[in-house]
Amino acid sequence: MHIRSIFLTLAILLALVLPAQAKLTLGVVPGANQLLQSEKQARALGSLMATRLGEKVKVRTFKSEADLHDWLVRYGTVDLAVFSRDYYQSQPVWEFQLLANYLRIDPSGPVDPDPVVARHGLSPQKIRSIQNVLLTLESDAEGNRLLENFQIKRFVAPGARLDLEALDFPVQPEPPPVVKPQAPRESPAPAPPTLPAPSPPRVAKPAPPLQQPLQQPPPLKKPVATEQLSFAVKQLAEGVYAALAKPGSTATSNCFFVIGEEFVVAGGSHMTREVASDLATAVRSVTDKPIRQFILTHHHKGFSHIDFDFPAGQSVIMSWQTWQSLDSEVRDIGYPALFFSEGLTLKLGKRTVILTNMDKGHTDGDTLIFVPEAGVLFASDLLYVNSVGYMGEGYMQEWVLALEFMERLGAKQIIPGFGPVCTTSEISHFKNYFKSFLTAVIARIEAGDSLEQAQRAISLPEYRGYAGYDQLLKQNIARAYQDLKDNLLGQPD
C-alpha cells in the first residue's frame, strides 16, 4: 500500500509537470457515454478545439468515470470531460461546471444527452471561449462533419440559451489577455452602488489614525458583544451565517461569515469603518472567534470612504481587478491584502469557501463565494431581489452570463447584495427583469434614439414597484445604452 501511494503521488507530480505545454486537457472514458464512443472521436474533438481556441488541447483516456472524476475534481489536472448522464446525475451539483448539452440526429435516442463539463477554477473568459467553440460548430463545413460523426445536430447551452431568446446575444469570443492592467487614476464618484443609497463620499483624505489603542477588558471579566444597528444575523447552516443589512442603517450591502476552527472568514462590500465595526460586533454575538480574513467582493471607483478601514488583525482577499480599483483611489491601502486571478479555495476545517473571479458583471472583477457543504451562495451585488439594482459600472452581457452561471450552481440558499436570503428562483426573476430591461434599451438604440430620447421613452410598468425604479432607472439606462451600443451592436459614438 505504501508503494502504491508513492506511485500515485509521483504520477500526479508528473502529470502536473510533463503536460505543461498543454493549456487544456480533455478527459474521456471511451464508450461510457453516448457522445464519445471512441478515443478517435475524442481526439477529433480535441484537435478541432485546439485549432479554434489557438492553444494545445490534450486528450486523456480513463478506464472508469470514477477515475476521470478524481483527476478532474480532486487533482485538477483534467479541465474538460464528458460523463454519462447517469453518472453526472449521481454526483453533487457543485462538483462540475456544466458547459453544454446536445441535440441528437436520431430522435429515438436517449432523451437526456450526456453532459460536457469543466472543472471549477477555469476563468469565466475561458468557459465562454470553450462554449463558443462548441455552440458554433454547425456554422461551417468542418464543424458539421464533426457533428455528423458524433451523430448529433448541434451542441446547445445548458438551461436558457446564451442568445437570451429575444435579445439574440452572440457568444462572445475570449478577449485578448491583459498585461499588467492599470486602472485609471480617476476619482469621479459614481451613483450609489446599491440600495439603500450610501451617503455621499466624504472628502477623499486618508483616515486619521486612531487616537489611542483599544483598551483590554479587565482580566476576570468576559468580553460581551455590544449592540449594533447595521445587521440582522441569520444562521443558514452550522457555522454559516448571513449578516443582512438593515434598511435605513449605515450598511448598504449584505455580508456573510463562516466560523472555522480557529477564526472567522467574512465577506461583503461597501465597508465603512462603522459598518466593519458593526460586522465584527455581529460576529461576536454568535462566537468569540475573531475575523481574520475578509473577502471584498468588489469596489466602486471614486468611493474612497469605503473599503479602506478594516479593524486591525484582518487581511483582505479580493480579485486582482478589485485591487486595481482600490489602488487607483487617492487613499493608501493600509491593510494586508491578498488578490487572486481566477479562483481561490479556503479550507476552514469541515467547511470550504470557494471564491470565483467572475471577471466583468456588476463591476470589473466581481467575486462569487460558494460554501458547497452548506449549499450557500453569496452573490453580493450580482443579484438584487425585487429591485432594479445599480448598473452604473455594469457590463450587460457578462452580467447575464454570470446570472446563468449562478443558476446552474444549484445553491440551496443565496445571499443577495441587498434584501432577504432567497433561492435560485430569485435569480431567474432578476434575470427576466434584466432581459426585459435590455430588450427595451436595444429597441431604442436600433430605432436611432439618442440617450436622452431612450431615457424618456423607456418604461417598464411591470417592474414599477421594484425598489429604486424612480431613483436608478435612468442611470441604469445610461450605462446599458453605452455598453450595448459599443460592445454588442457595434455602434460606438
Protein backbone atom coordinates (compact mmCIF):
# COMPACT_ATOMS: atom_id res chain seq x y z
CA MET A 1 0.00 0.00 0.00
CA HIS A 2 2.89 2.34 0.82
CA ILE A 3 4.49 1.71 -2.60
CA ARG A 4 1.15 2.29 -4.29
CA SER A 5 0.76 5.66 -2.51
CA ILE A 6 4.24 6.71 -3.59
CA PHE A 7 3.48 5.70 -7.18
CA LEU A 8 0.23 7.69 -7.18
CA THR A 9 2.00 10.76 -5.77
CA LEU A 10 4.70 10.53 -8.45
CA ALA A 11 2.06 10.09 -11.14
CA ILE A 12 0.29 13.24 -10.01
CA LEU A 13 3.54 15.21 -9.92
CA LEU A 14 4.48 14.01 -13.39
CA ALA A 15 1.04 14.88 -14.68
CA LEU A 16 1.49 18.38 -13.32
CA VAL A 17 4.94 18.83 -14.88
CA LEU A 18 5.05 16.93 -18.14
CA PRO A 19 1.96 18.31 -19.87
CA ALA A 20 2.88 21.88 -19.00
CA GLN A 21 2.81 22.79 -22.67
CA ALA A 22 -0.88 21.80 -22.90
CA LYS A 23 -3.24 24.61 -21.98
CA LEU A 24 -6.33 22.35 -21.77
CA THR A 25 -6.83 18.66 -21.11
CA LEU A 26 -9.96 16.80 -22.24
CA GLY A 27 -10.71 13.62 -20.29
CA VAL A 28 -12.95 10.81 -21.52
CA VAL A 29 -13.86 7.18 -20.85
CA PRO A 30 -14.40 5.80 -24.40
CA GLY A 31 -17.74 4.07 -24.69
CA ALA A 32 -19.00 5.13 -21.27
CA ASN A 33 -21.13 7.90 -22.80
CA GLN A 34 -23.17 8.27 -25.99
CA LEU A 35 -21.22 11.26 -27.31
CA LEU A 36 -17.64 9.98 -27.48
CA GLN A 37 -17.72 6.28 -28.28
CA SER A 38 -14.02 6.01 -29.08
CA GLU A 39 -10.68 7.64 -28.38
CA LYS A 40 -10.54 8.61 -32.07
CA GLN A 41 -13.69 10.69 -31.70
CA ALA A 42 -12.28 12.37 -28.58
CA ARG A 43 -9.07 13.27 -30.41
CA ALA A 44 -11.05 14.68 -33.34
CA LEU A 45 -12.93 16.95 -30.95
CA GLY A 46 -9.71 17.93 -29.17
CA SER A 47 -7.99 18.74 -32.46
CA LEU A 48 -10.79 20.99 -33.66
CA MET A 49 -10.99 22.74 -30.28
CA ALA A 50 -7.22 23.35 -30.35
CA THR A 51 -7.46 24.94 -33.80
CA ARG A 52 -10.29 27.25 -32.81
CA LEU A 53 -9.01 28.15 -29.35
CA GLY A 54 -5.48 28.72 -30.60
CA GLU A 55 -3.92 26.56 -27.87
CA LYS A 56 -2.99 22.95 -27.42
CA VAL A 57 -5.68 20.54 -26.20
CA LYS A 58 -4.51 17.20 -24.82
CA VAL A 59 -6.83 14.17 -24.72
CA ARG A 60 -6.53 11.70 -21.82
CA THR A 61 -8.48 8.46 -21.61
CA PHE A 62 -9.50 6.74 -18.38
CA LYS A 63 -10.73 3.27 -17.50
CA SER A 64 -13.66 4.43 -15.37
CA GLU A 65 -15.74 7.53 -14.81
CA ALA A 66 -14.78 7.46 -11.13
CA ASP A 67 -11.10 7.81 -12.11
CA LEU A 68 -11.92 10.63 -14.53
CA HIS A 69 -13.92 12.33 -11.78
CA ASP A 70 -10.89 12.23 -9.42
CA TRP A 71 -8.49 13.71 -11.97
CA LEU A 72 -10.99 16.43 -12.90
CA VAL A 73 -12.17 17.47 -9.43
CA ARG A 74 -9.67 16.20 -6.86
CA TYR A 75 -6.36 16.63 -8.67
CA GLY A 76 -7.39 19.35 -11.14
CA THR A 77 -5.17 18.05 -13.97
CA VAL A 78 -8.12 17.49 -16.34
CA ASP A 79 -10.02 20.59 -17.46
CA LEU A 80 -12.90 19.24 -19.57
CA ALA A 81 -14.77 15.95 -19.53
CA VAL A 82 -17.79 14.11 -20.89
CA PHE A 83 -19.71 11.93 -18.42
CA SER A 84 -22.66 9.66 -18.89
CA ARG A 85 -25.92 11.27 -17.81
CA ASP A 86 -26.43 8.63 -15.08
CA TYR A 87 -23.01 9.28 -13.55
CA TYR A 88 -23.41 13.06 -13.77
CA GLN A 89 -26.77 12.99 -12.02
CA SER A 90 -25.41 10.77 -9.23
CA GLN A 91 -22.87 13.44 -8.19
CA PRO A 92 -23.38 16.62 -6.12
CA VAL A 93 -24.45 19.50 -8.36
CA TRP A 94 -21.49 21.68 -7.33
CA GLU A 95 -18.83 19.19 -8.43
CA PHE A 96 -18.70 20.38 -12.06
CA GLN A 97 -19.49 23.34 -14.27
CA LEU A 98 -21.97 22.26 -16.96
CA LEU A 99 -20.81 23.60 -20.34
CA ALA A 100 -23.11 22.14 -22.96
CA ASN A 101 -25.72 19.57 -23.91
CA TYR A 102 -26.55 18.48 -27.46
CA LEU A 103 -29.41 17.55 -29.77
CA ARG A 104 -29.23 14.11 -31.35
CA ILE A 105 -29.89 13.44 -35.04
CA ASP A 106 -31.79 10.27 -34.12
CA PRO A 107 -34.84 11.39 -32.11
CA SER A 108 -35.28 7.84 -30.82
CA GLY A 109 -32.01 8.13 -28.88
CA PRO A 110 -31.72 8.98 -25.17
CA VAL A 111 -33.89 11.93 -24.13
CA ASP A 112 -31.27 13.41 -21.83
CA PRO A 113 -27.85 13.82 -23.50
CA ASP A 114 -24.53 13.19 -21.78
CA PRO A 115 -23.13 16.49 -20.47
CA VAL A 116 -19.90 18.25 -21.35
CA VAL A 117 -18.46 19.67 -18.10
CA ALA A 118 -15.47 21.65 -16.84
CA ARG A 119 -13.63 21.72 -13.55
CA HIS A 120 -14.03 24.64 -11.18
CA GLY A 121 -11.19 27.14 -11.38
CA LEU A 122 -11.34 27.84 -15.11
CA SER A 123 -11.96 31.53 -15.63
CA PRO A 124 -15.34 32.75 -16.95
CA GLN A 125 -13.50 34.00 -20.05
CA LYS A 126 -12.11 30.52 -20.72
CA ILE A 127 -15.51 28.94 -20.13
CA ARG A 128 -17.13 31.29 -22.63
CA SER A 129 -14.41 30.60 -25.21
CA ILE A 130 -14.91 26.84 -24.94
CA GLN A 131 -18.68 27.22 -25.14
CA ASN A 132 -18.24 29.46 -28.16
CA VAL A 133 -16.37 26.67 -29.96
CA LEU A 134 -18.98 24.03 -29.12
CA LEU A 135 -22.04 26.16 -29.84
CA THR A 136 -20.78 27.36 -33.24
CA LEU A 137 -19.62 24.04 -34.72
CA GLU A 138 -22.61 23.94 -37.09
CA SER A 139 -21.57 27.25 -38.67
CA ASP A 140 -19.04 25.73 -41.11
CA ALA A 141 -18.37 22.55 -43.06
CA GLU A 142 -15.57 21.23 -40.81
CA GLY A 143 -17.70 21.59 -37.71
CA ASN A 144 -20.70 19.98 -39.41
CA ARG A 145 -18.59 16.96 -40.42
CA LEU A 146 -17.59 16.51 -36.78
CA LEU A 147 -21.22 16.78 -35.63
CA GLU A 148 -22.28 14.17 -38.22
CA ASN A 149 -19.52 11.87 -36.97
CA PHE A 150 -20.93 12.24 -33.46
CA GLN A 151 -24.49 11.70 -34.76
CA ILE A 152 -25.72 14.96 -33.24
CA LYS A 153 -27.34 18.07 -34.73
CA ARG A 154 -25.56 20.62 -32.60
CA PHE A 155 -24.39 21.50 -29.11
CA VAL A 156 -26.69 23.71 -27.05
CA ALA A 157 -26.07 25.74 -23.90
CA PRO A 158 -27.45 24.30 -20.65
CA GLY A 159 -30.68 25.80 -19.39
CA ALA A 160 -31.61 29.08 -21.06
CA ARG A 161 -29.86 29.64 -24.35
CA LEU A 162 -26.92 32.01 -24.47
CA ASP A 163 -28.65 34.11 -27.15
CA LEU A 164 -31.11 35.18 -24.44
CA GLU A 165 -34.07 34.41 -26.70
CA ALA A 166 -35.39 37.76 -27.96
CA LEU A 167 -32.11 39.57 -27.38
CA ASP A 168 -30.16 37.28 -29.68
CA PHE A 169 -26.89 37.88 -27.88
CA PRO A 170 -23.92 36.35 -29.72
CA VAL A 171 -21.49 34.13 -27.87
CA GLN A 172 -18.60 36.43 -27.17
CA PRO A 173 -15.04 35.44 -28.09
CA GLU A 174 -12.44 35.45 -25.38
CA PRO A 175 -10.86 38.91 -25.04
CA PRO A 176 -7.11 39.26 -25.51
CA PRO A 177 -5.07 38.76 -22.33
CA VAL A 178 -4.46 41.86 -20.27
CA VAL A 179 -0.83 42.53 -19.48
CA LYS A 180 -0.30 44.31 -16.18
CA PRO A 181 -3.59 46.18 -16.29
CA GLN A 182 -3.54 49.62 -14.73
CA ALA A 183 -6.78 51.06 -13.52
CA PRO A 184 -7.17 54.73 -14.48
CA ARG A 185 -6.47 57.13 -11.68
CA GLU A 186 -9.72 58.97 -11.65
CA SER A 187 -11.95 59.85 -8.79
CA PRO A 188 -15.40 60.85 -10.04
CA ALA A 189 -17.96 59.46 -7.62
CA PRO A 190 -20.47 57.14 -9.33
CA ALA A 191 -24.06 56.76 -8.34
CA PRO A 192 -24.75 54.85 -5.10
CA PRO A 193 -23.72 51.21 -5.59
CA THR A 194 -26.81 49.56 -4.11
CA LEU A 195 -29.97 50.16 -2.16
CA PRO A 196 -30.44 51.96 0.12
CA ALA A 197 -28.07 54.51 -1.41
CA PRO A 198 -24.96 55.27 0.67
CA SER A 199 -24.29 58.74 1.95
CA PRO A 200 -22.20 61.00 -0.35
CA PRO A 201 -18.45 60.33 -0.22
CA ARG A 202 -16.51 62.24 2.33
CA VAL A 203 -13.56 64.39 1.34
CA ALA A 204 -11.03 61.98 -0.12
CA LYS A 205 -8.35 62.21 2.52
CA PRO A 206 -6.64 59.38 4.33
CA ALA A 207 -8.43 58.50 7.52
CA PRO A 208 -6.62 59.80 10.62
CA PRO A 209 -5.02 57.22 12.87
CA LEU A 210 -6.83 56.05 15.94
CA GLN A 211 -6.13 58.36 18.82
CA GLN A 212 -5.41 55.55 21.22
CA PRO A 213 -5.38 51.75 21.18
CA LEU A 214 -8.45 49.83 22.25
CA GLN A 215 -8.21 49.02 25.93
CA GLN A 216 -8.24 45.43 27.10
CA PRO A 217 -11.13 44.32 29.34
CA PRO A 218 -10.44 43.58 32.99
CA PRO A 219 -8.66 40.22 33.41
CA LEU A 220 -11.53 38.39 35.10
CA LYS A 221 -14.35 39.90 33.02
CA LYS A 222 -15.54 38.05 29.91
CA PRO A 223 -15.90 40.30 26.80
CA VAL A 224 -19.52 40.89 25.89
CA ALA A 225 -20.66 41.78 22.36
CA THR A 226 -22.23 45.24 22.32
CA GLU A 227 -25.36 46.11 20.37
CA GLN A 228 -25.03 47.09 16.72
CA LEU A 229 -27.57 48.63 14.35
CA SER A 230 -26.34 47.62 10.89
CA PHE A 231 -27.03 43.90 10.54
CA ALA A 232 -29.58 41.21 11.32
CA VAL A 233 -27.79 37.88 11.75
CA LYS A 234 -29.39 34.74 10.32
CA GLN A 235 -27.92 31.24 10.62
CA LEU A 236 -28.10 29.32 7.31
CA ALA A 237 -26.21 26.16 8.30
CA GLU A 238 -23.84 25.01 11.00
CA GLY A 239 -21.14 27.70 11.20
CA VAL A 240 -22.53 29.64 8.18
CA TYR A 241 -24.35 32.94 8.68
CA ALA A 242 -25.87 35.79 6.70
CA ALA A 243 -25.47 39.33 8.04
CA LEU A 244 -28.37 41.15 6.38
CA ALA A 245 -28.13 44.93 6.09
CA LYS A 246 -30.99 46.63 7.94
CA PRO A 247 -32.95 49.14 5.82
CA GLY A 248 -32.10 52.69 6.84
CA SER A 249 -28.88 51.70 8.61
CA THR A 250 -25.33 52.70 7.67
CA ALA A 251 -24.86 49.29 6.00
CA THR A 252 -25.77 49.39 2.29
CA SER A 253 -24.99 45.76 1.41
CA ASN A 254 -25.38 42.30 2.94
CA CYS A 255 -22.43 40.39 4.37
CA PHE A 256 -21.78 36.78 5.38
CA PHE A 257 -19.42 34.91 7.70
CA VAL A 258 -18.22 31.35 8.17
CA ILE A 259 -16.87 30.14 11.51
CA GLY A 260 -13.76 27.99 11.25
CA GLU A 261 -11.93 26.01 13.90
CA GLU A 262 -9.69 28.92 14.94
CA PHE A 263 -11.06 32.06 13.28
CA VAL A 264 -13.84 33.54 11.14
CA VAL A 265 -13.88 34.36 7.42
CA ALA A 266 -16.33 37.11 6.49
CA GLY A 267 -17.17 38.93 3.27
CA GLY A 268 -19.13 41.77 1.72
CA SER A 269 -18.67 45.21 0.16
CA HIS A 270 -19.24 48.95 0.75
CA MET A 271 -17.44 48.70 4.09
CA THR A 272 -17.08 51.95 6.04
CA ARG A 273 -15.23 51.98 9.37
CA GLU A 274 -18.55 51.93 11.25
CA VAL A 275 -20.02 49.09 9.16
CA ALA A 276 -16.85 46.99 9.56
CA SER A 277 -17.03 47.53 13.31
CA ASP A 278 -20.72 46.57 13.40
CA LEU A 279 -19.99 43.39 11.42
CA ALA A 280 -17.31 42.41 13.97
CA THR A 281 -19.86 43.01 16.71
CA ALA A 282 -22.46 40.92 14.88
CA VAL A 283 -19.95 38.07 14.65
CA ARG A 284 -19.23 38.34 18.39
CA SER A 285 -22.94 37.78 19.04
CA VAL A 286 -22.53 34.13 17.98
CA THR A 287 -18.82 33.34 18.54
CA ASP A 288 -15.80 34.71 20.37
CA LYS A 289 -13.53 33.76 17.47
CA PRO A 290 -12.08 36.77 15.63
CA ILE A 291 -12.45 37.71 11.97
CA ARG A 292 -9.02 37.07 10.45
CA GLN A 293 -9.88 37.22 6.73
CA PHE A 294 -12.40 39.43 4.95
CA ILE A 295 -13.40 38.81 1.30
CA LEU A 296 -14.10 42.08 -0.53
CA THR A 297 -16.40 41.14 -3.41
CA HIS A 298 -15.97 44.39 -5.40
CA HIS A 299 -15.24 48.12 -5.13
CA HIS A 300 -16.81 51.14 -6.83
CA LYS A 301 -14.28 53.62 -8.19
CA GLY A 302 -14.36 57.10 -6.70
CA PHE A 303 -15.70 55.98 -3.33
CA SER A 304 -12.61 56.37 -1.18
CA HIS A 305 -14.68 56.48 2.02
CA ILE A 306 -15.49 52.75 1.72
CA ASP A 307 -13.37 49.58 1.76
CA PHE A 308 -10.32 51.21 3.35
CA ASP A 309 -10.97 50.99 7.10
CA PHE A 310 -10.90 47.42 8.38
CA PRO A 311 -10.12 46.56 12.02
CA ALA A 312 -6.54 45.66 12.89
CA GLY A 313 -5.72 41.97 12.55
CA GLN A 314 -7.77 41.39 9.41
CA SER A 315 -6.32 40.61 5.98
CA VAL A 316 -8.50 41.38 2.95
CA ILE A 317 -8.91 39.00 -0.01
CA MET A 318 -10.10 40.25 -3.40
CA SER A 319 -9.81 39.76 -7.16
CA TRP A 320 -6.91 41.46 -8.90
CA GLN A 321 -9.35 43.82 -10.66
CA THR A 322 -10.76 44.94 -7.30
CA TRP A 323 -7.21 45.54 -6.09
CA GLN A 324 -6.54 47.69 -9.15
CA SER A 325 -9.72 49.66 -8.49
CA LEU A 326 -8.75 50.30 -4.86
CA ASP A 327 -5.18 51.16 -5.82
CA SER A 328 -6.49 53.88 -8.16
CA GLU A 329 -8.03 55.83 -5.26
CA VAL A 330 -6.34 58.78 -3.56
CA ARG A 331 -6.05 56.91 -0.26
CA ASP A 332 -3.36 54.39 0.51
CA ILE A 333 -4.31 50.80 1.32
CA GLY A 334 -3.17 50.23 4.88
CA TYR A 335 -4.16 46.61 5.49
CA PRO A 336 -2.59 43.28 4.38
CA ALA A 337 -4.18 42.30 1.06
CA LEU A 338 -4.24 39.08 -0.95
CA PHE A 339 -5.55 39.20 -4.52
CA PHE A 340 -6.10 36.31 -6.90
CA SER A 341 -6.59 35.80 -10.64
CA GLU A 342 -9.25 33.16 -11.42
CA GLY A 343 -10.21 31.44 -8.19
CA LEU A 344 -9.20 30.63 -4.63
CA THR A 345 -10.32 27.97 -2.16
CA LEU A 346 -10.18 28.37 1.63
CA LYS A 347 -10.43 25.30 3.89
CA LEU A 348 -11.84 26.00 7.36
CA GLY A 349 -11.85 22.57 8.93
CA LYS A 350 -15.11 20.92 7.87
CA ARG A 351 -16.16 23.86 5.70
CA THR A 352 -14.90 25.03 2.32
CA VAL A 353 -15.16 28.56 0.95
CA ILE A 354 -14.77 28.72 -2.86
CA LEU A 355 -14.01 32.10 -4.45
CA THR A 356 -14.54 32.62 -8.19
CA ASN A 357 -13.46 35.72 -10.11
CA MET A 358 -16.44 36.34 -12.39
CA ASP A 359 -14.46 38.94 -14.35
CA LYS A 360 -16.96 41.53 -15.60
CA GLY A 361 -20.52 41.76 -14.29
CA HIS A 362 -21.79 44.26 -11.72
CA THR A 363 -18.25 45.70 -11.78
CA ASP A 364 -14.91 44.60 -13.18
CA GLY A 365 -13.72 41.72 -11.02
CA ASP A 366 -16.78 40.56 -9.04
CA THR A 367 -16.07 37.70 -6.64
CA LEU A 368 -18.69 34.96 -6.21
CA ILE A 369 -18.49 32.93 -2.99
CA PHE A 370 -19.83 29.40 -2.53
CA VAL A 371 -19.88 27.15 0.58
CA PRO A 372 -20.62 23.75 -1.01
CA GLU A 373 -21.16 21.74 2.18
CA ALA A 374 -24.00 24.08 3.15
CA GLY A 375 -25.18 24.86 -0.39
CA VAL A 376 -24.88 28.58 0.40
CA LEU A 377 -24.00 31.12 -2.30
CA PHE A 378 -23.01 34.72 -1.57
CA ALA A 379 -23.86 36.62 -4.74
CA SER A 380 -23.27 40.15 -3.46
CA ASP A 381 -24.46 42.82 -5.94
CA LEU A 382 -24.60 40.42 -8.89
CA LEU A 383 -28.11 39.67 -7.60
CA TYR A 384 -30.88 42.02 -6.46
CA VAL A 385 -34.23 40.90 -5.06
CA ASN A 386 -37.30 42.95 -6.07
CA SER A 387 -35.02 45.83 -7.04
CA VAL A 388 -33.87 47.43 -10.29
CA GLY A 389 -30.35 47.37 -8.84
CA TYR A 390 -27.43 49.64 -9.58
CA MET A 391 -25.84 49.10 -13.01
CA GLY A 392 -23.68 52.23 -13.22
CA GLU A 393 -20.45 50.25 -13.64
CA GLY A 394 -22.02 47.09 -15.06
CA TYR A 395 -21.25 45.01 -18.15
CA MET A 396 -24.59 43.90 -19.53
CA GLN A 397 -23.85 40.71 -21.50
CA GLU A 398 -21.33 39.42 -18.97
CA TRP A 399 -23.74 40.12 -16.11
CA VAL A 400 -26.46 37.96 -17.71
CA LEU A 401 -23.93 35.16 -18.25
CA ALA A 402 -22.96 35.43 -14.58
CA LEU A 403 -26.61 35.01 -13.59
CA GLU A 404 -26.86 31.87 -15.74
CA PHE A 405 -23.69 30.52 -14.14
CA MET A 406 -25.21 31.14 -10.69
CA GLU A 407 -28.44 29.39 -11.69
CA ARG A 408 -26.52 26.24 -12.65
CA LEU A 409 -24.75 26.01 -9.28
CA GLY A 410 -27.97 24.78 -7.68
CA ALA A 411 -27.38 26.58 -4.38
CA LYS A 412 -29.97 25.91 -1.69
CA GLN A 413 -29.73 29.37 -0.13
CA ILE A 414 -28.48 32.58 -1.74
CA ILE A 415 -27.45 35.84 -0.05
CA PRO A 416 -28.05 38.74 -2.46
CA GLY A 417 -26.38 42.13 -2.34
CA PHE A 418 -29.38 43.56 -0.51
CA GLY A 419 -32.61 42.01 0.70
CA PRO A 420 -33.60 38.66 2.21
CA VAL A 421 -31.95 35.29 1.77
CA CYS A 422 -33.51 33.65 -1.30
CA THR A 423 -33.37 30.66 -3.64
CA THR A 424 -32.42 30.09 -7.28
CA SER A 425 -35.91 31.19 -8.37
CA GLU A 426 -34.99 34.77 -7.43
CA ILE A 427 -32.02 34.60 -9.82
CA SER A 428 -34.48 33.69 -12.57
CA HIS A 429 -36.79 36.57 -11.60
CA PHE A 430 -33.95 39.10 -11.67
CA LYS A 431 -32.68 37.69 -14.98
CA ASN A 432 -36.16 38.04 -16.50
CA TYR A 433 -36.27 41.66 -15.38
CA PHE A 434 -32.76 42.18 -16.77
CA LYS A 435 -33.77 40.74 -20.14
CA SER A 436 -36.86 42.96 -20.33
CA PHE A 437 -34.76 46.00 -19.46
CA LEU A 438 -32.07 45.21 -22.04
CA THR A 439 -34.66 44.43 -24.73
CA ALA A 440 -36.16 47.88 -24.20
CA VAL A 441 -32.75 49.58 -24.38
CA ILE A 442 -31.72 47.70 -27.54
CA ALA A 443 -35.01 48.60 -29.22
CA ARG A 444 -34.35 52.31 -28.66
CA ILE A 445 -30.76 52.04 -29.93
CA GLU A 446 -31.90 50.23 -33.08
CA ALA A 447 -34.58 52.89 -33.60
CA GLY A 448 -31.82 55.51 -33.68
CA ASP A 449 -32.81 57.21 -30.42
CA SER A 450 -30.30 59.35 -28.56
CA LEU A 451 -29.65 58.52 -24.92
CA GLU A 452 -31.98 61.30 -23.77
CA GLN A 453 -34.74 60.05 -26.08
CA ALA A 454 -34.25 56.49 -24.82
CA GLN A 455 -34.47 57.62 -21.20
CA ARG A 456 -37.75 59.41 -21.92
CA ALA A 457 -39.23 56.52 -23.92
CA ILE A 458 -38.34 53.51 -21.78
CA SER A 459 -40.93 52.47 -19.23
CA LEU A 460 -41.22 49.10 -17.53
CA PRO A 461 -44.67 49.20 -15.90
CA GLU A 462 -44.44 45.56 -14.82
CA TYR A 463 -41.48 46.45 -12.60
CA ARG A 464 -42.54 49.91 -11.42
CA GLY A 465 -42.96 48.55 -7.91
CA TYR A 466 -39.31 47.46 -7.72
CA ALA A 467 -37.12 49.33 -5.25
CA GLY A 468 -35.07 52.08 -6.89
CA TYR A 469 -37.26 52.36 -10.01
CA ASP A 470 -37.58 56.15 -9.82
CA GLN A 471 -34.08 56.79 -8.43
CA LEU A 472 -31.88 54.49 -10.51
CA LEU A 473 -33.66 53.55 -13.75
CA LYS A 474 -32.35 56.48 -15.80
CA GLN A 475 -28.79 55.91 -14.58
CA ASN A 476 -29.09 52.24 -15.46
CA ILE A 477 -30.42 53.10 -18.94
CA ALA A 478 -27.43 55.41 -19.49
CA ARG A 479 -24.93 52.66 -18.64
CA ALA A 480 -26.74 49.95 -20.63
CA TYR A 481 -27.18 52.25 -23.65
CA GLN A 482 -23.46 52.96 -23.88
CA ASP A 483 -22.30 49.42 -23.08
CA LEU A 484 -24.65 47.71 -25.55
CA LYS A 485 -24.07 50.29 -28.28
CA ASP A 486 -20.29 49.89 -28.02
CA ASN A 487 -19.92 46.17 -27.36
CA LEU A 488 -23.00 44.38 -28.70
CA LEU A 489 -24.39 46.39 -31.59
CA GLY A 490 -21.08 47.81 -32.78
CA GLN A 491 -22.26 51.41 -32.94
CA PRO A 492 -19.66 53.38 -30.96
CA ASP A 493 -20.09 57.16 -30.89
